[in-house]
Amino acid sequence: MNESVTLLLLQHLFRPEWVITRDEVGTWRATGPILISACDVDGLLEMLRIADPDALEYAARLLAER
């Protein structure tokens, strides 16, 4: 999936608890109760799973409804 589309999808799925961004050098960040940084989207999702399993479960439910 295109990284811009991935970013938009993650922003939609994890709001309002988390703000998902990607900087000019490609670092993915999630800002919420804590700041998470990862070099790729898979790493970011893994860290989100650890930091906020409820948010990840909610995002998965939203995707399953579609």
N, C-alpha and C. Protein backbone atom coordinates (compact mmCIF):
# COMPACT_ATOMS: atom_id res chain seq x y z
N MET A 1 0.85 -1.17 0.00
CA MET A 1 0.00 0.00 0.00
C MET A 1 0.90 1.24 0.00
N ASN A 2 0.49 2.25 -0.70
CA ASN A 2 1.19 3.51 -0.75
C ASN A 2 1.32 4.09 0.66
N GLU A 3 2.49 4.63 0.99
CA GLU A 3 2.72 5.12 2.36
C GLU A 3 1.81 6.29 2.72
N SER A 4 1.46 7.13 1.75
CA SER A 4 0.54 8.23 2.02
C SER A 4 -0.85 7.72 2.38
N VAL A 5 -1.29 6.69 1.67
CA VAL A 5 -2.59 6.08 1.96
C VAL A 5 -2.55 5.39 3.32
N THR A 6 -1.46 4.71 3.60
CA THR A 6 -1.30 4.06 4.90
C THR A 6 -1.37 5.08 6.02
N LEU A 7 -0.70 6.20 5.84
CA LEU A 7 -0.72 7.27 6.85
C LEU A 7 -2.14 7.77 7.08
N LEU A 8 -2.88 8.04 6.02
CA LEU A 8 -4.26 8.51 6.16
C LEU A 8 -5.13 7.48 6.86
N LEU A 9 -4.96 6.22 6.51
CA LEU A 9 -5.74 5.16 7.15
C LEU A 9 -5.44 5.08 8.65
N LEU A 10 -4.17 5.09 9.01
CA LEU A 10 -3.80 5.01 10.42
C LEU A 10 -4.29 6.23 11.19
N GLN A 11 -4.21 7.41 10.56
CA GLN A 11 -4.72 8.61 11.22
C GLN A 11 -6.20 8.48 11.52
N HIS A 12 -6.94 7.91 10.60
CA HIS A 12 -8.38 7.71 10.79
C HIS A 12 -8.67 6.67 11.88
N LEU A 13 -7.95 5.57 11.85
CA LEU A 13 -8.22 4.46 12.76
C LEU A 13 -7.85 4.76 14.21
N PHE A 14 -6.84 5.58 14.43
CA PHE A 14 -6.33 5.75 15.79
C PHE A 14 -6.71 7.08 16.44
N ARG A 15 -7.48 7.93 15.76
CA ARG A 15 -7.91 9.19 16.36
C ARG A 15 -9.05 8.94 17.29
N PRO A 16 -9.25 9.68 18.31
CA PRO A 16 -8.51 10.88 18.70
C PRO A 16 -7.36 10.60 19.67
N GLU A 17 -7.20 9.35 20.10
CA GLU A 17 -6.19 9.05 21.12
C GLU A 17 -4.77 9.25 20.63
N TRP A 18 -4.54 8.99 19.35
CA TRP A 18 -3.18 9.03 18.80
C TRP A 18 -3.14 9.91 17.56
N VAL A 19 -2.08 10.65 17.42
CA VAL A 19 -1.80 11.41 16.20
C VAL A 19 -0.65 10.70 15.49
N ILE A 20 -0.91 10.20 14.30
CA ILE A 20 0.08 9.44 13.54
C ILE A 20 0.69 10.38 12.48
N THR A 21 2.02 10.40 12.41
CA THR A 21 2.70 11.23 11.42
C THR A 21 3.88 10.47 10.83
N ARG A 22 4.39 11.02 9.73
CA ARG A 22 5.61 10.48 9.12
C ARG A 22 6.44 11.69 8.71
N ASP A 23 7.67 11.75 9.18
CA ASP A 23 8.49 12.94 8.90
C ASP A 23 9.22 12.83 7.56
N GLU A 24 9.98 13.87 7.24
CA GLU A 24 10.63 13.97 5.93
C GLU A 24 11.71 12.92 5.70
N VAL A 25 12.22 12.30 6.76
CA VAL A 25 13.23 11.25 6.59
C VAL A 25 12.62 9.85 6.69
N GLY A 26 11.30 9.77 6.85
CA GLY A 26 10.62 8.48 6.84
C GLY A 26 10.33 7.88 8.19
N THR A 27 10.58 8.60 9.27
CA THR A 27 10.30 8.07 10.61
C THR A 27 8.80 8.19 10.89
N TRP A 28 8.22 7.08 11.32
CA TRP A 28 6.81 7.05 11.70
C TRP A 28 6.71 7.39 13.18
N ARG A 29 5.71 8.21 13.54
CA ARG A 29 5.51 8.59 14.94
C ARG A 29 4.04 8.49 15.30
N ALA A 30 3.80 8.11 16.54
CA ALA A 30 2.46 8.14 17.12
C ALA A 30 2.58 8.93 18.42
N THR A 31 1.81 10.00 18.50
CA THR A 31 1.81 10.83 19.69
C THR A 31 0.47 10.65 20.38
N GLY A 32 0.52 10.20 21.61
CA GLY A 32 -0.68 9.97 22.41
C GLY A 32 -0.28 10.07 23.86
N PRO A 33 -0.68 9.09 24.66
CA PRO A 33 -0.25 9.08 26.06
C PRO A 33 1.28 9.07 26.19
N ILE A 34 1.94 8.49 25.18
CA ILE A 34 3.40 8.51 25.10
C ILE A 34 3.78 8.79 23.65
N LEU A 35 5.04 9.05 23.39
CA LEU A 35 5.53 9.25 22.02
C LEU A 35 6.19 7.96 21.56
N ILE A 36 5.77 7.48 20.39
CA ILE A 36 6.33 6.27 19.80
C ILE A 36 6.96 6.65 18.47
N SER A 37 8.15 6.15 18.20
CA SER A 37 8.82 6.36 16.92
C SER A 37 9.29 5.02 16.39
N ALA A 38 9.20 4.86 15.07
CA ALA A 38 9.67 3.63 14.43
C ALA A 38 10.13 3.95 13.02
N CYS A 39 11.03 3.13 12.51
CA CYS A 39 11.57 3.36 11.17
C CYS A 39 10.64 2.85 10.07
N ASP A 40 9.66 2.01 10.44
CA ASP A 40 8.69 1.55 9.44
C ASP A 40 7.32 1.38 10.09
N VAL A 41 6.32 1.23 9.25
CA VAL A 41 4.95 1.16 9.74
C VAL A 41 4.71 -0.11 10.57
N ASP A 42 5.36 -1.21 10.20
CA ASP A 42 5.20 -2.44 10.98
C ASP A 42 5.71 -2.25 12.41
N GLY A 43 6.85 -1.59 12.54
CA GLY A 43 7.39 -1.32 13.87
C GLY A 43 6.48 -0.40 14.66
N LEU A 44 5.90 0.60 14.00
CA LEU A 44 4.98 1.50 14.68
C LEU A 44 3.76 0.75 15.19
N LEU A 45 3.18 -0.12 14.36
CA LEU A 45 2.01 -0.89 14.79
C LEU A 45 2.36 -1.83 15.93
N GLU A 46 3.53 -2.41 15.90
CA GLU A 46 3.94 -3.29 17.00
C GLU A 46 4.06 -2.51 18.31
N MET A 47 4.65 -1.32 18.23
CA MET A 47 4.77 -0.50 19.44
C MET A 47 3.41 -0.01 19.92
N LEU A 48 2.51 0.32 19.00
CA LEU A 48 1.14 0.70 19.39
C LEU A 48 0.43 -0.46 20.06
N ARG A 49 0.66 -1.68 19.56
CA ARG A 49 0.04 -2.87 20.16
C ARG A 49 0.48 -3.02 21.62
N ILE A 50 1.74 -2.75 21.87
CA ILE A 50 2.26 -2.87 23.23
C ILE A 50 1.77 -1.71 24.10
N ALA A 51 1.82 -0.49 23.55
CA ALA A 51 1.49 0.70 24.34
C ALA A 51 -0.01 0.85 24.59
N ASP A 52 -0.83 0.44 23.61
CA ASP A 52 -2.27 0.66 23.73
C ASP A 52 -3.03 -0.45 23.01
N PRO A 53 -3.08 -1.63 23.62
CA PRO A 53 -3.74 -2.75 22.95
C PRO A 53 -5.21 -2.49 22.66
N ASP A 54 -5.87 -1.70 23.51
CA ASP A 54 -7.28 -1.39 23.27
C ASP A 54 -7.47 -0.59 21.99
N ALA A 55 -6.59 0.36 21.73
CA ALA A 55 -6.68 1.17 20.51
C ALA A 55 -6.47 0.30 19.28
N LEU A 56 -5.54 -0.64 19.35
CA LEU A 56 -5.30 -1.52 18.21
C LEU A 56 -6.50 -2.44 18.00
N GLU A 57 -7.09 -2.93 19.07
CA GLU A 57 -8.27 -3.78 18.95
C GLU A 57 -9.44 -3.00 18.34
N TYR A 58 -9.60 -1.74 18.76
CA TYR A 58 -10.64 -0.88 18.21
C TYR A 58 -10.42 -0.67 16.72
N ALA A 59 -9.19 -0.40 16.32
CA ALA A 59 -8.87 -0.21 14.90
C ALA A 59 -9.18 -1.47 14.10
N ALA A 60 -8.85 -2.63 14.65
CA ALA A 60 -9.12 -3.89 13.97
C ALA A 60 -10.63 -4.10 13.81
N ARG A 61 -11.41 -3.73 14.82
CA ARG A 61 -12.87 -3.85 14.74
C ARG A 61 -13.43 -2.94 13.65
N LEU A 62 -12.90 -1.71 13.58
CA LEU A 62 -13.34 -0.78 12.53
C LEU A 62 -13.08 -1.36 11.14
N LEU A 63 -11.92 -1.95 10.94
CA LEU A 63 -11.60 -2.55 9.66
C LEU A 63 -12.48 -3.75 9.34
N ALA A 64 -12.82 -4.53 10.37
CA ALA A 64 -13.64 -5.72 10.17
C ALA A 64 -15.08 -5.34 9.78
N GLU A 65 -15.53 -4.17 10.19
CA GLU A 65 -16.88 -3.73 9.88
C GLU A 65 -17.03 -3.35 8.42
N ARG A 66 -15.98 -3.05 7.74
CA ARG A 66 -16.03 -2.53 6.37
C ARG A 66 -16.16 -3.62 5.37
